[in-house]
Amino acid sequence: MKWIKTDGTIEEVAIDKENSLKQMQDAVGGYIELVRLTDDDIMIVNEEGLIFGLPVNEYASKLAGQTIVGNVLMCKPKDLD
């Protein structure tokens, strides 16, 4: 998975299947929501990011074609199995 931060940095991260929900929530800073992208990638975002006033993630927004706030994770559907 890739961790795309609001400051523009991108890091590869490994998510442990046994504790994946907690790790994904920690990475995005709260409850998660899935955003499906056209190329079959999935973006995992903070479900309440707009409510909390998280900063716009310019790179993630460009990829999604919509405004995305906060740090996000990018993955393939197989990564969530």
N, C-alpha and C. Protein backbone atom coordinates (compact mmCIF):
# COMPACT_ATOMS: atom_id res chain seq x y z
N MET A 1 0.84 -1.18 0.00
CA MET A 1 0.00 0.00 0.00
C MET A 1 0.88 1.24 0.00
N LYS A 2 0.32 2.30 -0.54
CA LYS A 2 1.01 3.58 -0.51
C LYS A 2 0.26 4.51 0.44
N TRP A 3 1.04 5.23 1.22
CA TRP A 3 0.50 6.21 2.15
C TRP A 3 0.79 7.57 1.54
N ILE A 4 -0.26 8.28 1.15
CA ILE A 4 -0.12 9.59 0.52
C ILE A 4 -0.51 10.64 1.56
N LYS A 5 0.48 11.40 2.00
CA LYS A 5 0.27 12.38 3.06
C LYS A 5 -0.07 13.75 2.46
N THR A 6 -0.69 14.57 3.26
CA THR A 6 -1.11 15.89 2.79
C THR A 6 0.08 16.79 2.46
N ASP A 7 1.25 16.49 3.00
CA ASP A 7 2.43 17.30 2.69
C ASP A 7 3.08 16.90 1.37
N GLY A 8 2.47 15.93 0.67
CA GLY A 8 2.99 15.52 -0.64
C GLY A 8 3.91 14.32 -0.60
N THR A 9 4.28 13.86 0.57
CA THR A 9 5.15 12.69 0.64
C THR A 9 4.35 11.41 0.42
N ILE A 10 5.01 10.44 -0.17
CA ILE A 10 4.39 9.14 -0.43
C ILE A 10 5.33 8.07 0.12
N GLU A 11 4.79 7.19 0.93
CA GLU A 11 5.58 6.11 1.53
C GLU A 11 4.91 4.78 1.26
N GLU A 12 5.71 3.76 1.08
CA GLU A 12 5.19 2.39 1.01
C GLU A 12 4.96 1.93 2.45
N VAL A 13 3.82 1.32 2.71
CA VAL A 13 3.53 0.79 4.04
C VAL A 13 3.01 -0.64 3.91
N ALA A 14 3.31 -1.42 4.90
CA ALA A 14 2.81 -2.80 4.96
C ALA A 14 1.74 -2.84 6.05
N ILE A 15 0.61 -3.39 5.69
CA ILE A 15 -0.50 -3.52 6.65
C ILE A 15 -0.63 -4.98 7.04
N ASP A 16 -0.58 -5.23 8.34
CA ASP A 16 -0.72 -6.58 8.88
C ASP A 16 -2.18 -7.01 8.78
N LYS A 17 -2.44 -8.11 8.09
CA LYS A 17 -3.82 -8.57 7.85
C LYS A 17 -4.61 -8.78 9.15
N GLU A 18 -3.94 -9.18 10.23
CA GLU A 18 -4.64 -9.46 11.48
C GLU A 18 -5.08 -8.19 12.20
N ASN A 19 -4.44 -7.07 11.92
CA ASN A 19 -4.75 -5.82 12.60
C ASN A 19 -4.97 -4.70 11.58
N SER A 20 -5.49 -5.07 10.42
CA SER A 20 -5.54 -4.12 9.30
C SER A 20 -6.46 -2.93 9.54
N LEU A 21 -7.63 -3.14 10.12
CA LEU A 21 -8.55 -2.02 10.34
C LEU A 21 -7.92 -0.97 11.23
N LYS A 22 -7.35 -1.38 12.33
CA LYS A 22 -6.71 -0.44 13.27
C LYS A 22 -5.56 0.30 12.58
N GLN A 23 -4.75 -0.41 11.82
CA GLN A 23 -3.62 0.23 11.15
C GLN A 23 -4.10 1.23 10.09
N MET A 24 -5.14 0.88 9.35
CA MET A 24 -5.66 1.81 8.35
C MET A 24 -6.27 3.03 9.02
N GLN A 25 -6.99 2.83 10.12
CA GLN A 25 -7.56 3.97 10.86
C GLN A 25 -6.46 4.88 11.40
N ASP A 26 -5.39 4.29 11.90
CA ASP A 26 -4.27 5.09 12.40
C ASP A 26 -3.63 5.89 11.27
N ALA A 27 -3.51 5.29 10.09
CA ALA A 27 -2.87 5.96 8.96
C ALA A 27 -3.66 7.16 8.46
N VAL A 28 -5.00 7.06 8.49
CA VAL A 28 -5.82 8.17 7.98
C VAL A 28 -6.37 9.04 9.11
N GLY A 29 -6.16 8.63 10.34
CA GLY A 29 -6.54 9.47 11.48
C GLY A 29 -7.99 9.37 11.90
N GLY A 30 -8.64 8.23 11.66
CA GLY A 30 -10.03 8.07 12.09
C GLY A 30 -10.73 6.96 11.34
N TYR A 31 -12.06 7.01 11.40
CA TYR A 31 -12.85 6.00 10.69
C TYR A 31 -12.54 6.05 9.20
N ILE A 32 -12.57 4.88 8.56
CA ILE A 32 -12.19 4.83 7.15
C ILE A 32 -13.40 4.78 6.23
N GLU A 33 -13.19 5.29 5.03
CA GLU A 33 -14.16 5.21 3.94
C GLU A 33 -13.39 4.85 2.69
N LEU A 34 -13.96 4.00 1.84
CA LEU A 34 -13.29 3.59 0.61
C LEU A 34 -13.78 4.44 -0.55
N VAL A 35 -12.83 4.91 -1.36
CA VAL A 35 -13.15 5.65 -2.58
C VAL A 35 -12.58 4.83 -3.73
N ARG A 36 -13.46 4.31 -4.57
CA ARG A 36 -13.01 3.52 -5.73
C ARG A 36 -12.62 4.46 -6.85
N LEU A 37 -11.45 4.19 -7.43
CA LEU A 37 -10.96 4.99 -8.54
C LEU A 37 -11.20 4.25 -9.85
N THR A 38 -11.15 4.95 -10.95
CA THR A 38 -11.49 4.36 -12.25
C THR A 38 -10.53 3.25 -12.68
N ASP A 39 -9.31 3.27 -12.24
CA ASP A 39 -8.34 2.26 -12.67
C ASP A 39 -8.26 1.07 -11.71
N ASP A 40 -9.33 0.84 -10.97
CA ASP A 40 -9.46 -0.30 -10.06
C ASP A 40 -8.59 -0.17 -8.81
N ASP A 41 -8.05 1.00 -8.58
CA ASP A 41 -7.37 1.25 -7.31
C ASP A 41 -8.41 1.71 -6.30
N ILE A 42 -8.09 1.52 -5.04
CA ILE A 42 -8.96 1.97 -3.96
C ILE A 42 -8.18 2.95 -3.10
N MET A 43 -8.84 4.05 -2.76
CA MET A 43 -8.27 5.03 -1.86
C MET A 43 -9.00 4.91 -0.53
N ILE A 44 -8.25 4.79 0.53
CA ILE A 44 -8.83 4.70 1.87
C ILE A 44 -8.64 6.06 2.53
N VAL A 45 -9.76 6.71 2.87
CA VAL A 45 -9.73 8.07 3.38
C VAL A 45 -10.38 8.13 4.76
N ASN A 46 -10.21 9.26 5.43
CA ASN A 46 -10.86 9.50 6.71
C ASN A 46 -12.31 9.87 6.44
N GLU A 47 -13.23 9.07 6.93
CA GLU A 47 -14.66 9.27 6.69
C GLU A 47 -15.14 10.64 7.17
N GLU A 48 -14.55 11.16 8.23
CA GLU A 48 -14.99 12.42 8.82
C GLU A 48 -13.99 13.56 8.57
N GLY A 49 -13.16 13.39 7.55
CA GLY A 49 -12.12 14.38 7.28
C GLY A 49 -12.64 15.78 7.04
N LEU A 50 -13.74 15.93 6.30
CA LEU A 50 -14.31 17.25 6.05
C LEU A 50 -14.87 17.86 7.34
N ILE A 51 -15.52 17.04 8.14
CA ILE A 51 -16.10 17.51 9.41
C ILE A 51 -15.00 18.05 10.33
N PHE A 52 -13.86 17.34 10.35
CA PHE A 52 -12.75 17.73 11.21
C PHE A 52 -11.87 18.82 10.61
N GLY A 53 -12.16 19.23 9.38
CA GLY A 53 -11.39 20.29 8.74
C GLY A 53 -9.97 19.89 8.38
N LEU A 54 -9.78 18.61 8.00
CA LEU A 54 -8.44 18.18 7.60
C LEU A 54 -8.01 18.90 6.34
N PRO A 55 -6.70 19.11 6.16
CA PRO A 55 -6.23 19.82 4.98
C PRO A 55 -6.45 19.03 3.70
N VAL A 56 -6.61 19.75 2.61
CA VAL A 56 -6.78 19.11 1.30
C VAL A 56 -5.51 18.36 0.94
N ASN A 57 -5.67 17.16 0.43
CA ASN A 57 -4.56 16.36 -0.06
C ASN A 57 -4.55 16.55 -1.58
N GLU A 58 -3.70 17.45 -2.05
CA GLU A 58 -3.69 17.84 -3.46
C GLU A 58 -3.44 16.65 -4.39
N TYR A 59 -2.46 15.83 -4.07
CA TYR A 59 -2.12 14.71 -4.94
C TYR A 59 -3.26 13.69 -4.99
N ALA A 60 -3.80 13.34 -3.83
CA ALA A 60 -4.90 12.38 -3.78
C ALA A 60 -6.14 12.94 -4.48
N SER A 61 -6.38 14.23 -4.34
CA SER A 61 -7.52 14.86 -5.01
C SER A 61 -7.38 14.77 -6.53
N LYS A 62 -6.17 14.99 -7.02
CA LYS A 62 -5.93 14.89 -8.46
C LYS A 62 -6.19 13.47 -8.95
N LEU A 63 -5.74 12.47 -8.20
CA LEU A 63 -5.95 11.07 -8.57
C LEU A 63 -7.44 10.70 -8.57
N ALA A 64 -8.17 11.22 -7.58
CA ALA A 64 -9.58 10.84 -7.41
C ALA A 64 -10.53 11.67 -8.27
N GLY A 65 -10.07 12.82 -8.74
CA GLY A 65 -10.96 13.69 -9.50
C GLY A 65 -12.00 14.37 -8.63
N GLN A 66 -11.72 14.45 -7.36
CA GLN A 66 -12.60 15.12 -6.40
C GLN A 66 -11.75 15.56 -5.21
N THR A 67 -12.29 16.43 -4.39
CA THR A 67 -11.53 16.90 -3.24
C THR A 67 -11.41 15.80 -2.20
N ILE A 68 -10.17 15.51 -1.84
CA ILE A 68 -9.84 14.53 -0.80
C ILE A 68 -9.06 15.26 0.28
N VAL A 69 -9.43 15.02 1.52
CA VAL A 69 -8.73 15.67 2.63
C VAL A 69 -8.03 14.63 3.50
N GLY A 70 -6.96 15.06 4.13
CA GLY A 70 -6.24 14.20 5.06
C GLY A 70 -5.31 13.23 4.36
N ASN A 71 -4.58 12.48 5.17
CA ASN A 71 -3.70 11.43 4.66
C ASN A 71 -4.56 10.28 4.16
N VAL A 72 -4.10 9.62 3.11
CA VAL A 72 -4.86 8.50 2.54
C VAL A 72 -3.95 7.32 2.28
N LEU A 73 -4.56 6.15 2.13
CA LEU A 73 -3.86 4.95 1.70
C LEU A 73 -4.38 4.59 0.32
N MET A 74 -3.49 4.14 -0.57
CA MET A 74 -3.86 3.65 -1.89
C MET A 74 -3.54 2.17 -1.93
N CYS A 75 -4.48 1.39 -2.47
CA CYS A 75 -4.25 -0.04 -2.57
C CYS A 75 -5.05 -0.63 -3.71
N LYS A 76 -4.82 -1.90 -3.96
CA LYS A 76 -5.58 -2.68 -4.93
C LYS A 76 -6.64 -3.46 -4.13
N PRO A 77 -7.75 -3.84 -4.77
CA PRO A 77 -8.77 -4.61 -4.05
C PRO A 77 -8.22 -5.87 -3.38
N LYS A 78 -7.25 -6.53 -4.00
CA LYS A 78 -6.68 -7.75 -3.41
C LYS A 78 -5.98 -7.47 -2.07
N ASP A 79 -5.53 -6.23 -1.87
CA ASP A 79 -4.86 -5.88 -0.61
C ASP A 79 -5.82 -5.88 0.57
N LEU A 80 -7.13 -5.80 0.29
CA LEU A 80 -8.13 -5.73 1.36
C LEU A 80 -8.74 -7.08 1.69
N ASP A 81 -8.34 -8.12 0.98
CA ASP A 81 -8.88 -9.46 1.23
C ASP A 81 -8.40 -10.02 2.55
